[in-house]
Amino acid sequence: RVIATSFTIPLLTMYTVFVALMGAYLNVTVNEQTSFTSYI
């Protein structure tokens, strides 16, 4: 269990970062009309 959490939590963190940035992009592009390329 400890090995599983130590290995999986970093993967989940990277996924969370990606999803959070996509959520932020939707907000930014609606309000500031920022292009996806410029945002990245």
PDB file of all heavy atoms in Angstrom:
ATOM      1  N   ARG A   1       0.815  -1.217   0.000  1.00  0.00           N
ATOM      2  CA  ARG A   1       0.000   0.000   0.000  1.00  0.00           C
ATOM      3  C   ARG A   1       0.849   1.267   0.000  1.00  0.00           C
ATOM      4  O   ARG A   1       0.532   2.237  -0.682  1.00  0.00           O
ATOM      5  CB  ARG A   1      -0.959  -0.013   1.200  1.00  0.00           C
ATOM      6  CG  ARG A   1      -2.165  -0.900   0.970  1.00  0.00           C
ATOM      7  CD  ARG A   1      -2.874  -1.263   2.274  1.00  0.00           C
ATOM      8  NE  ARG A   1      -4.102  -2.014   2.011  1.00  0.00           N
ATOM      9  CZ  ARG A   1      -4.136  -3.300   1.674  1.00  0.00           C
ATOM     10  NH1 ARG A   1      -3.001  -3.977   1.557  1.00  0.00           N
ATOM     11  NH2 ARG A   1      -5.288  -3.914   1.451  1.00  0.00           N
ATOM     12  N   VAL A   2       1.932   1.259   0.764  1.00  0.00           N
ATOM     13  CA  VAL A   2       2.797   2.448   0.821  1.00  0.00           C
ATOM     14  C   VAL A   2       3.508   2.657  -0.514  1.00  0.00           C
ATOM     15  O   VAL A   2       3.619   3.787  -1.005  1.00  0.00           O
ATOM     16  CB  VAL A   2       3.814   2.334   1.976  1.00  0.00           C
ATOM     17  CG1 VAL A   2       4.770   3.515   1.968  1.00  0.00           C
ATOM     18  CG2 VAL A   2       3.097   2.275   3.315  1.00  0.00           C
ATOM     19  N   ILE A   3       3.974   1.586  -1.128  1.00  0.00           N
ATOM     20  CA  ILE A   3       4.602   1.697  -2.452  1.00  0.00           C
ATOM     21  C   ILE A   3       3.582   2.214  -3.466  1.00  0.00           C
ATOM     22  O   ILE A   3       3.889   3.076  -4.303  1.00  0.00           O
ATOM     23  CB  ILE A   3       5.183   0.336  -2.904  1.00  0.00           C
ATOM     24  CG1 ILE A   3       6.414  -0.015  -2.067  1.00  0.00           C
ATOM     25  CG2 ILE A   3       5.544   0.366  -4.391  1.00  0.00           C
ATOM     26  CD1 ILE A   3       6.989  -1.387  -2.359  1.00  0.00           C
ATOM     27  N   ALA A   4       2.356   1.697  -3.400  1.00  0.00           N
ATOM     28  CA  ALA A   4       1.308   2.117  -4.341  1.00  0.00           C
ATOM     29  C   ALA A   4       0.985   3.604  -4.203  1.00  0.00           C
ATOM     30  O   ALA A   4       0.885   4.322  -5.207  1.00  0.00           O
ATOM     31  CB  ALA A   4       0.044   1.283  -4.117  1.00  0.00           C
ATOM     32  N   THR A   5       0.835   4.085  -2.964  1.00  0.00           N
ATOM     33  CA  THR A   5       0.532   5.511  -2.780  1.00  0.00           C
ATOM     34  C   THR A   5       1.720   6.384  -3.187  1.00  0.00           C
ATOM     35  O   THR A   5       1.534   7.441  -3.802  1.00  0.00           O
ATOM     36  CB  THR A   5       0.149   5.814  -1.315  1.00  0.00           C
ATOM     37  OG1 THR A   5       1.176   5.332  -0.437  1.00  0.00           O
ATOM     38  CG2 THR A   5      -1.173   5.180  -0.945  1.00  0.00           C
ATOM     39  N   SER A   6       2.939   5.938  -2.880  1.00  0.00           N
ATOM     40  CA  SER A   6       4.141   6.718  -3.236  1.00  0.00           C
ATOM     41  C   SER A   6       4.306   6.827  -4.747  1.00  0.00           C
ATOM     42  O   SER A   6       4.833   7.831  -5.249  1.00  0.00           O
ATOM     43  CB  SER A   6       5.399   6.072  -2.632  1.00  0.00           C
ATOM     44  OG  SER A   6       5.296   5.979  -1.235  1.00  0.00           O
ATOM     45  N   PHE A   7       3.874   5.809  -5.476  1.00  0.00           N
ATOM     46  CA  PHE A   7       3.994   5.799  -6.934  1.00  0.00           C
ATOM     47  C   PHE A   7       2.814   6.498  -7.607  1.00  0.00           C
ATOM     48  O   PHE A   7       2.983   7.209  -8.611  1.00  0.00           O
ATOM     49  CB  PHE A   7       4.097   4.345  -7.427  1.00  0.00           C
ATOM     50  CG  PHE A   7       4.127   4.215  -8.922  1.00  0.00           C
ATOM     51  CD1 PHE A   7       5.267   4.545  -9.644  1.00  0.00           C
ATOM     52  CD2 PHE A   7       3.014   3.772  -9.619  1.00  0.00           C
ATOM     53  CE1 PHE A   7       5.293   4.447 -11.033  1.00  0.00           C
ATOM     54  CE2 PHE A   7       3.020   3.674 -11.003  1.00  0.00           C
ATOM     55  CZ  PHE A   7       4.175   4.003 -11.708  1.00  0.00           C
ATOM     56  N   THR A   8       1.622   6.331  -7.064  1.00  0.00           N
ATOM     57  CA  THR A   8       0.413   6.795  -7.742  1.00  0.00           C
ATOM     58  C   THR A   8       0.092   8.263  -7.472  1.00  0.00           C
ATOM     59  O   THR A   8      -0.396   8.953  -8.379  1.00  0.00           O
ATOM     60  CB  THR A   8      -0.799   5.930  -7.310  1.00  0.00           C
ATOM     61  OG1 THR A   8      -0.449   4.555  -7.417  1.00  0.00           O
ATOM     62  CG2 THR A   8      -2.008   6.203  -8.194  1.00  0.00           C
ATOM     63  N   ILE A   9       0.340   8.763  -6.263  1.00  0.00           N
ATOM     64  CA  ILE A   9       0.022  10.153  -5.941  1.00  0.00           C
ATOM     65  C   ILE A   9       0.748  11.140  -6.867  1.00  0.00           C
ATOM     66  O   ILE A   9       0.144  12.115  -7.319  1.00  0.00           O
ATOM     67  CB  ILE A   9       0.316  10.472  -4.450  1.00  0.00           C
ATOM     68  CG1 ILE A   9      -0.527   9.585  -3.525  1.00  0.00           C
ATOM     69  CG2 ILE A   9       0.044  11.945  -4.145  1.00  0.00           C
ATOM     70  CD1 ILE A   9      -2.018   9.715  -3.687  1.00  0.00           C
ATOM     71  N   PRO A  10       2.059  10.937  -7.189  1.00  0.00           N
ATOM     72  CA  PRO A  10       2.698  11.841  -8.164  1.00  0.00           C
ATOM     73  C   PRO A  10       2.014  11.828  -9.531  1.00  0.00           C
ATOM     74  O   PRO A  10       1.892  12.877 -10.173  1.00  0.00           O
ATOM     75  CB  PRO A  10       4.125  11.292  -8.269  1.00  0.00           C
ATOM     76  CG  PRO A  10       4.354  10.597  -6.989  1.00  0.00           C
ATOM     77  CD  PRO A  10       3.037  10.013  -6.587  1.00  0.00           C
ATOM     78  N   LEU A  11       1.571  10.655  -9.987  1.00  0.00           N
ATOM     79  CA  LEU A  11       0.858  10.572 -11.268  1.00  0.00           C
ATOM     80  C   LEU A  11      -0.469  11.339 -11.194  1.00  0.00           C
ATOM     81  O   LEU A  11      -0.831  12.066 -12.120  1.00  0.00           O
ATOM     82  CB  LEU A  11       0.599   9.107 -11.636  1.00  0.00           C
ATOM     83  CG  LEU A  11       1.829   8.226 -11.878  1.00  0.00           C
ATOM     84  CD1 LEU A  11       1.402   6.804 -12.228  1.00  0.00           C
ATOM     85  CD2 LEU A  11       2.679   8.798 -13.009  1.00  0.00           C
ATOM     86  N   LEU A  12      -1.171  11.168 -10.085  1.00  0.00           N
ATOM     87  CA  LEU A  12      -2.427  11.898  -9.889  1.00  0.00           C
ATOM     88  C   LEU A  12      -2.176  13.397  -9.815  1.00  0.00           C
ATOM     89  O   LEU A  12      -2.997  14.200 -10.286  1.00  0.00           O
ATOM     90  CB  LEU A  12      -3.126  11.420  -8.607  1.00  0.00           C
ATOM     91  CG  LEU A  12      -3.800  10.052  -8.643  1.00  0.00           C
ATOM     92  CD1 LEU A  12      -4.348   9.694  -7.267  1.00  0.00           C
ATOM     93  CD2 LEU A  12      -4.929  10.020  -9.673  1.00  0.00           C
ATOM     94  N   THR A  13      -1.051  13.798  -9.230  1.00  0.00           N
ATOM     95  CA  THR A  13      -0.711  15.221  -9.134  1.00  0.00           C
ATOM     96  C   THR A  13      -0.517  15.817 -10.514  1.00  0.00           C
ATOM     97  O   THR A  13      -1.035  16.911 -10.810  1.00  0.00           O
ATOM     98  CB  THR A  13       0.575  15.415  -8.292  1.00  0.00           C
ATOM     99  OG1 THR A  13       0.335  14.974  -6.960  1.00  0.00           O
ATOM    100  CG2 THR A  13       0.993  16.873  -8.265  1.00  0.00           C
ATOM    101  N   MET A  14       0.224  15.132 -11.374  1.00  0.00           N
ATOM    102  CA  MET A  14       0.424  15.624 -12.741  1.00  0.00           C
ATOM    103  C   MET A  14      -0.903  15.730 -13.489  1.00  0.00           C
ATOM    104  O   MET A  14      -1.133  16.677 -14.241  1.00  0.00           O
ATOM    105  CB  MET A  14       1.383  14.693 -13.498  1.00  0.00           C
ATOM    106  CG  MET A  14       2.809  14.682 -12.963  1.00  0.00           C
ATOM    107  SD  MET A  14       3.637  16.287 -13.101  1.00  0.00           S
ATOM    108  CE  MET A  14       3.490  16.902 -11.411  1.00  0.00           C
ATOM    109  N   TYR A  15      -1.765  14.760 -13.245  1.00  0.00           N
ATOM    110  CA  TYR A  15      -3.094  14.788 -13.866  1.00  0.00           C
ATOM    111  C   TYR A  15      -3.917  15.959 -13.326  1.00  0.00           C
ATOM    112  O   TYR A  15      -4.591  16.655 -14.090  1.00  0.00           O
ATOM    113  CB  TYR A  15      -3.795  13.458 -13.589  1.00  0.00           C
ATOM    114  CG  TYR A  15      -5.209  13.388 -14.131  1.00  0.00           C
ATOM    115  CD1 TYR A  15      -5.450  13.281 -15.499  1.00  0.00           C
ATOM    116  CD2 TYR A  15      -6.306  13.448 -13.276  1.00  0.00           C
ATOM    117  CE1 TYR A  15      -6.742  13.226 -15.998  1.00  0.00           C
ATOM    118  CE2 TYR A  15      -7.596  13.387 -13.756  1.00  0.00           C
ATOM    119  CZ  TYR A  15      -7.809  13.282 -15.114  1.00  0.00           C
ATOM    120  OH  TYR A  15      -9.091  13.242 -15.607  1.00  0.00           O
ATOM    121  N   THR A  16      -3.836  16.190 -12.018  1.00  0.00           N
ATOM    122  CA  THR A  16      -4.568  17.303 -11.408  1.00  0.00           C
ATOM    123  C   THR A  16      -4.093  18.633 -11.971  1.00  0.00           C
ATOM    124  O   THR A  16      -4.906  19.528 -12.266  1.00  0.00           O
ATOM    125  CB  THR A  16      -4.373  17.308  -9.869  1.00  0.00           C
ATOM    126  OG1 THR A  16      -4.789  16.049  -9.347  1.00  0.00           O
ATOM    127  CG2 THR A  16      -5.176  18.413  -9.217  1.00  0.00           C
ATOM    128  N   VAL A  17      -2.777  18.778 -12.116  1.00  0.00           N
ATOM    129  CA  VAL A  17      -2.205  20.010 -12.685  1.00  0.00           C
ATOM    130  C   VAL A  17      -2.742  20.241 -14.090  1.00  0.00           C
ATOM    131  O   VAL A  17      -3.164  21.355 -14.440  1.00  0.00           O
ATOM    132  CB  VAL A  17      -0.656  19.936 -12.695  1.00  0.00           C
ATOM    133  CG1 VAL A  17      -0.069  21.053 -13.546  1.00  0.00           C
ATOM    134  CG2 VAL A  17      -0.118  20.007 -11.276  1.00  0.00           C
ATOM    135  N   PHE A  18      -2.758  19.181 -14.898  1.00  0.00           N
ATOM    136  CA  PHE A  18      -3.255  19.286 -16.271  1.00  0.00           C
ATOM    137  C   PHE A  18      -4.728  19.708 -16.295  1.00  0.00           C
ATOM    138  O   PHE A  18      -5.108  20.638 -17.013  1.00  0.00           O
ATOM    139  CB  PHE A  18      -3.093  17.940 -16.996  1.00  0.00           C
ATOM    140  CG  PHE A  18      -3.757  17.881 -18.336  1.00  0.00           C
ATOM    141  CD1 PHE A  18      -3.213  18.519 -19.437  1.00  0.00           C
ATOM    142  CD2 PHE A  18      -4.960  17.193 -18.496  1.00  0.00           C
ATOM    143  CE1 PHE A  18      -3.843  18.479 -20.679  1.00  0.00           C
ATOM    144  CE2 PHE A  18      -5.602  17.141 -19.728  1.00  0.00           C
ATOM    145  CZ  PHE A  18      -5.044  17.787 -20.829  1.00  0.00           C
ATOM    146  N   VAL A  19      -5.554  19.037 -15.492  1.00  0.00           N
ATOM    147  CA  VAL A  19      -6.986  19.334 -15.457  1.00  0.00           C
ATOM    148  C   VAL A  19      -7.238  20.754 -14.937  1.00  0.00           C
ATOM    149  O   VAL A  19      -8.076  21.488 -15.474  1.00  0.00           O
ATOM    150  CB  VAL A  19      -7.737  18.295 -14.584  1.00  0.00           C
ATOM    151  CG1 VAL A  19      -9.189  18.702 -14.384  1.00  0.00           C
ATOM    152  CG2 VAL A  19      -7.670  16.920 -15.221  1.00  0.00           C
ATOM    153  N   ALA A  20      -6.492  21.164 -13.899  1.00  0.00           N
ATOM    154  CA  ALA A  20      -6.647  22.510 -13.336  1.00  0.00           C
ATOM    155  C   ALA A  20      -6.265  23.572 -14.367  1.00  0.00           C
ATOM    156  O   ALA A  20      -6.947  24.606 -14.483  1.00  0.00           O
ATOM    157  CB  ALA A  20      -5.789  22.651 -12.081  1.00  0.00           C
ATOM    158  N   LEU A  21      -5.202  23.334 -15.114  1.00  0.00           N
ATOM    159  CA  LEU A  21      -4.782  24.288 -16.144  1.00  0.00           C
ATOM    160  C   LEU A  21      -5.806  24.370 -17.273  1.00  0.00           C
ATOM    161  O   LEU A  21      -6.031  25.449 -17.841  1.00  0.00           O
ATOM    162  CB  LEU A  21      -3.409  23.902 -16.698  1.00  0.00           C
ATOM    163  CG  LEU A  21      -2.222  24.087 -15.741  1.00  0.00           C
ATOM    164  CD1 LEU A  21      -0.941  23.557 -16.363  1.00  0.00           C
ATOM    165  CD2 LEU A  21      -2.060  25.558 -15.368  1.00  0.00           C
ATOM    166  N   MET A  22      -6.450  23.242 -17.589  1.00  0.00           N
ATOM    167  CA  MET A  22      -7.497  23.265 -18.606  1.00  0.00           C
ATOM    168  C   MET A  22      -8.733  24.022 -18.107  1.00  0.00           C
ATOM    169  O   MET A  22      -9.376  24.757 -18.857  1.00  0.00           O
ATOM    170  CB  MET A  22      -7.878  21.829 -19.009  1.00  0.00           C
ATOM    171  CG  MET A  22      -6.827  21.098 -19.818  1.00  0.00           C
ATOM    172  SD  MET A  22      -6.357  21.964 -21.352  1.00  0.00           S
ATOM    173  CE  MET A  22      -4.837  22.779 -20.849  1.00  0.00           C
ATOM    174  N   GLY A  23      -9.061  23.835 -16.830  1.00  0.00           N
ATOM    175  CA  GLY A  23     -10.170  24.584 -16.242  1.00  0.00           C
ATOM    176  C   GLY A  23      -9.884  26.077 -16.257  1.00  0.00           C
ATOM    177  O   GLY A  23     -10.757  26.900 -16.564  1.00  0.00           O
ATOM    178  N   ALA A  24      -8.631  26.428 -15.928  1.00  0.00           N
ATOM    179  CA  ALA A  24      -8.228  27.836 -15.946  1.00  0.00           C
ATOM    180  C   ALA A  24      -8.261  28.394 -17.371  1.00  0.00           C
ATOM    181  O   ALA A  24      -8.662  29.547 -17.594  1.00  0.00           O
ATOM    182  CB  ALA A  24      -6.827  27.971 -15.364  1.00  0.00           C
ATOM    183  N   TYR A  25      -7.858  27.553 -18.347  1.00  0.00           N
ATOM    184  CA  TYR A  25      -7.864  28.011 -19.743  1.00  0.00           C
ATOM    185  C   TYR A  25      -9.273  28.377 -20.205  1.00  0.00           C
ATOM    186  O   TYR A  25      -9.468  29.397 -20.873  1.00  0.00           O
ATOM    187  CB  TYR A  25      -7.277  26.931 -20.658  1.00  0.00           C
ATOM    188  CG  TYR A  25      -7.542  27.212 -22.128  1.00  0.00           C
ATOM    189  CD1 TYR A  25      -6.892  28.247 -22.776  1.00  0.00           C
ATOM    190  CD2 TYR A  25      -8.475  26.448 -22.841  1.00  0.00           C
ATOM    191  CE1 TYR A  25      -7.149  28.529 -24.109  1.00  0.00           C
ATOM    192  CE2 TYR A  25      -8.737  26.720 -24.170  1.00  0.00           C
ATOM    193  CZ  TYR A  25      -8.071  27.758 -24.793  1.00  0.00           C
ATOM    194  OH  TYR A  25      -8.344  28.047 -26.103  1.00  0.00           O
ATOM    195  N   LEU A  26     -10.250  27.559 -19.864  1.00  0.00           N
ATOM    196  CA  LEU A  26     -11.624  27.859 -20.250  1.00  0.00           C
ATOM    197  C   LEU A  26     -12.066  29.209 -19.697  1.00  0.00           C
ATOM    198  O   LEU A  26     -12.719  30.005 -20.389  1.00  0.00           O
ATOM    199  CB  LEU A  26     -12.572  26.760 -19.751  1.00  0.00           C
ATOM    200  CG  LEU A  26     -12.541  25.431 -20.492  1.00  0.00           C
ATOM    201  CD1 LEU A  26     -13.536  24.461 -19.870  1.00  0.00           C
ATOM    202  CD2 LEU A  26     -12.876  25.628 -21.971  1.00  0.00           C
ATOM    203  N   ASN A  27     -11.701  29.474 -18.457  1.00  0.00           N
ATOM    204  CA  ASN A  27     -12.047  30.747 -17.830  1.00  0.00           C
ATOM    205  C   ASN A  27     -11.334  31.904 -18.518  1.00  0.00           C
ATOM    206  O   ASN A  27     -11.934  32.945 -18.790  1.00  0.00           O
ATOM    207  CB  ASN A  27     -11.670  30.692 -16.345  1.00  0.00           C
ATOM    208  CG  ASN A  27     -12.295  31.817 -15.557  1.00  0.00           C
ATOM    209  OD1 ASN A  27     -12.054  32.980 -15.834  1.00  0.00           O
ATOM    210  ND2 ASN A  27     -13.083  31.476 -14.552  1.00  0.00           N
ATOM    211  N   VAL A  28     -10.048  31.719 -18.810  1.00  0.00           N
ATOM    212  CA  VAL A  28      -9.250  32.785 -19.431  1.00  0.00           C
ATOM    213  C   VAL A  28      -9.713  33.070 -20.849  1.00  0.00           C
ATOM    214  O   VAL A  28      -9.854  34.225 -21.252  1.00  0.00           O
ATOM    215  CB  VAL A  28      -7.748  32.397 -19.419  1.00  0.00           C
ATOM    216  CG1 VAL A  28      -6.932  33.344 -20.295  1.00  0.00           C
ATOM    217  CG2 VAL A  28      -7.206  32.414 -18.004  1.00  0.00           C
ATOM    218  N   THR A  29      -9.975  32.017 -21.606  1.00  0.00           N
ATOM    219  CA  THR A  29     -10.345  32.219 -23.013  1.00  0.00           C
ATOM    220  C   THR A  29     -11.728  32.845 -23.162  1.00  0.00           C
ATOM    221  O   THR A  29     -11.980  33.597 -24.104  1.00  0.00           O
ATOM    222  CB  THR A  29     -10.263  30.888 -23.794  1.00  0.00           C
ATOM    223  OG1 THR A  29     -10.294  31.153 -25.192  1.00  0.00           O
ATOM    224  CG2 THR A  29     -11.423  29.957 -23.463  1.00  0.00           C
ATOM    225  N   VAL A  30     -12.624  32.567 -22.204  1.00  0.00           N
ATOM    226  CA  VAL A  30     -13.956  33.183 -22.242  1.00  0.00           C
ATOM    227  C   VAL A  30     -13.877  34.673 -21.902  1.00  0.00           C
ATOM    228  O   VAL A  30     -14.540  35.507 -22.529  1.00  0.00           O
ATOM    229  CB  VAL A  30     -14.914  32.448 -21.272  1.00  0.00           C
ATOM    230  CG1 VAL A  30     -16.191  33.261 -21.052  1.00  0.00           C
ATOM    231  CG2 VAL A  30     -15.259  31.076 -21.806  1.00  0.00           C
ATOM    232  N   ASN A  31     -13.049  35.023 -20.937  1.00  0.00           N
ATOM    233  CA  ASN A  31     -12.990  36.408 -20.456  1.00  0.00           C
ATOM    234  C   ASN A  31     -11.964  37.270 -21.177  1.00  0.00           C
ATOM    235  O   ASN A  31     -12.194  38.462 -21.380  1.00  0.00           O
ATOM    236  CB  ASN A  31     -12.679  36.416 -18.951  1.00  0.00           C
ATOM    237  CG  ASN A  31     -13.830  35.899 -18.119  1.00  0.00           C
ATOM    238  OD1 ASN A  31     -14.765  36.617 -17.813  1.00  0.00           O
ATOM    239  ND2 ASN A  31     -13.771  34.622 -17.743  1.00  0.00           N
ATOM    240  N   GLU A  32     -10.823  36.684 -21.517  1.00  0.00           N
ATOM    241  CA  GLU A  32      -9.763  37.473 -22.179  1.00  0.00           C
ATOM    242  C   GLU A  32      -9.560  37.123 -23.648  1.00  0.00           C
ATOM    243  O   GLU A  32      -8.723  37.720 -24.305  1.00  0.00           O
ATOM    244  CB  GLU A  32      -8.431  37.281 -21.437  1.00  0.00           C
ATOM    245  CG  GLU A  32      -8.252  38.176 -20.220  1.00  0.00           C
ATOM    246  CD  GLU A  32      -9.007  37.665 -19.011  1.00  0.00           C
ATOM    247  OE1 GLU A  32      -8.988  36.438 -18.790  1.00  0.00           O
ATOM    248  OE2 GLU A  32      -9.612  38.486 -18.304  1.00  0.00           O
ATOM    249  N   GLN A  33     -10.291  36.126 -24.149  1.00  0.00           N
ATOM    250  CA  GLN A  33     -10.148  35.667 -25.536  1.00  0.00           C
ATOM    251  C   GLN A  33      -8.700  35.303 -25.882  1.00  0.00           C
ATOM    252  O   GLN A  33      -8.206  35.576 -26.975  1.00  0.00           O
ATOM    253  CB  GLN A  33     -10.653  36.724 -26.526  1.00  0.00           C
ATOM    254  CG  GLN A  33     -12.167  36.824 -26.632  1.00  0.00           C
ATOM    255  CD  GLN A  33     -12.779  37.516 -25.417  1.00  0.00           C
ATOM    256  OE1 GLN A  33     -12.322  38.607 -25.043  1.00  0.00           O
ATOM    257  NE2 GLN A  33     -13.780  36.917 -24.801  1.00  0.00           N
ATOM    258  N   THR A  34      -8.022  34.684 -24.922  1.00  0.00           N
ATOM    259  CA  THR A  34      -6.638  34.245 -25.146  1.00  0.00           C
ATOM    260  C   THR A  34      -6.645  32.950 -25.947  1.00  0.00           C
ATOM    261  O   THR A  34      -7.409  32.034 -25.637  1.00  0.00           O
ATOM    262  CB  THR A  34      -5.926  34.006 -23.796  1.00  0.00           C
ATOM    263  OG1 THR A  34      -5.990  35.200 -23.020  1.00  0.00           O
ATOM    264  CG2 THR A  34      -4.476  33.610 -23.999  1.00  0.00           C
ATOM    265  N   SER A  35      -5.789  32.863 -26.953  1.00  0.00           N
ATOM    266  CA  SER A  35      -5.732  31.651 -27.767  1.00  0.00           C
ATOM    267  C   SER A  35      -5.038  30.535 -26.979  1.00  0.00           C
ATOM    268  O   SER A  35      -4.254  30.803 -26.059  1.00  0.00           O
ATOM    269  CB  SER A  35      -4.961  31.908 -29.062  1.00  0.00           C
ATOM    270  OG  SER A  35      -3.585  32.101 -28.785  1.00  0.00           O
ATOM    271  N   PHE A  36      -5.319  29.297 -27.381  1.00  0.00           N
ATOM    272  CA  PHE A  36      -4.738  28.151 -26.685  1.00  0.00           C
ATOM    273  C   PHE A  36      -3.215  28.147 -26.819  1.00  0.00           C
ATOM    274  O   PHE A  36      -2.494  27.876 -25.858  1.00  0.00           O
ATOM    275  CB  PHE A  36      -5.320  26.850 -27.250  1.00  0.00           C
ATOM    276  CG  PHE A  36      -4.853  25.624 -26.529  1.00  0.00           C
ATOM    277  CD1 PHE A  36      -5.326  25.322 -25.260  1.00  0.00           C
ATOM    278  CD2 PHE A  36      -3.919  24.761 -27.113  1.00  0.00           C
ATOM    279  CE1 PHE A  36      -4.888  24.193 -24.574  1.00  0.00           C
ATOM    280  CE2 PHE A  36      -3.482  23.627 -26.445  1.00  0.00           C
ATOM    281  CZ  PHE A  36      -3.968  23.345 -25.173  1.00  0.00           C
ATOM    282  N   THR A  37      -2.707  28.486 -28.013  1.00  0.00           N
ATOM    283  CA  THR A  37      -1.256  28.515 -28.253  1.00  0.00           C
ATOM    284  C   THR A  37      -0.575  29.537 -27.350  1.00  0.00           C
ATOM    285  O   THR A  37       0.449  29.257 -26.727  1.00  0.00           O
ATOM    286  CB  THR A  37      -0.959  28.857 -29.731  1.00  0.00           C
ATOM    287  OG1 THR A  37      -1.662  27.951 -30.571  1.00  0.00           O
ATOM    288  CG2 THR A  37       0.532  28.773 -30.014  1.00  0.00           C
ATOM    289  N   SER A  38      -1.164  30.725 -27.287  1.00  0.00           N
ATOM    290  CA  SER A  38      -0.610  31.785 -26.446  1.00  0.00           C
ATOM    291  C   SER A  38      -0.636  31.385 -24.972  1.00  0.00           C
ATOM    292  O   SER A  38       0.324  31.640 -24.223  1.00  0.00           O
ATOM    293  CB  SER A  38      -1.400  33.083 -26.653  1.00  0.00           C
ATOM    294  OG  SER A  38      -0.977  34.083 -25.769  1.00  0.00           O
ATOM    295  N   TYR A  39      -1.733  30.747 -24.561  1.00  0.00           N
ATOM    296  CA  TYR A  39      -1.891  30.305 -23.173  1.00  0.00           C
ATOM    297  C   TYR A  39      -0.809  29.285 -22.801  1.00  0.00           C
ATOM    298  O   TYR A  39      -0.158  29.400 -21.755  1.00  0.00           O
ATOM    299  CB  TYR A  39      -3.284  29.693 -23.004  1.00  0.00           C
ATOM    300  CG  TYR A  39      -3.595  29.155 -21.624  1.00  0.00           C
ATOM    301  CD1 TYR A  39      -3.903  30.014 -20.572  1.00  0.00           C
ATOM    302  CD2 TYR A  39      -3.592  27.782 -21.374  1.00  0.00           C
ATOM    303  CE1 TYR A  39      -4.193  29.517 -19.301  1.00  0.00           C
ATOM    304  CE2 TYR A  39      -3.889  27.273 -20.118  1.00  0.00           C
ATOM    305  CZ  TYR A  39      -4.191  28.154 -19.087  1.00  0.00           C
ATOM    306  OH  TYR A  39      -4.474  27.657 -17.841  1.00  0.00           O
ATOM    307  N   ILE A  40      -0.574  28.306 -23.679  1.00  0.00           N
ATOM    308  CA  ILE A  40       0.437  27.270 -23.431  1.00  0.00           C
ATOM    309  C   ILE A  40       1.836  27.890 -23.381  1.00  0.00           C
ATOM    310  O   ILE A  40       2.664  27.534 -22.527  1.00  0.00           O
ATOM    311  CB  ILE A  40       0.376  26.177 -24.520  1.00  0.00           C
ATOM    312  CG1 ILE A  40      -0.939  25.392 -24.416  1.00  0.00           C
ATOM    313  CG2 ILE A  40       1.566  25.228 -24.412  1.00  0.00           C
ATOM    314  CD1 ILE A  40      -1.118  24.627 -23.126  1.00  0.00           C
TER     315      ILE A  40
END
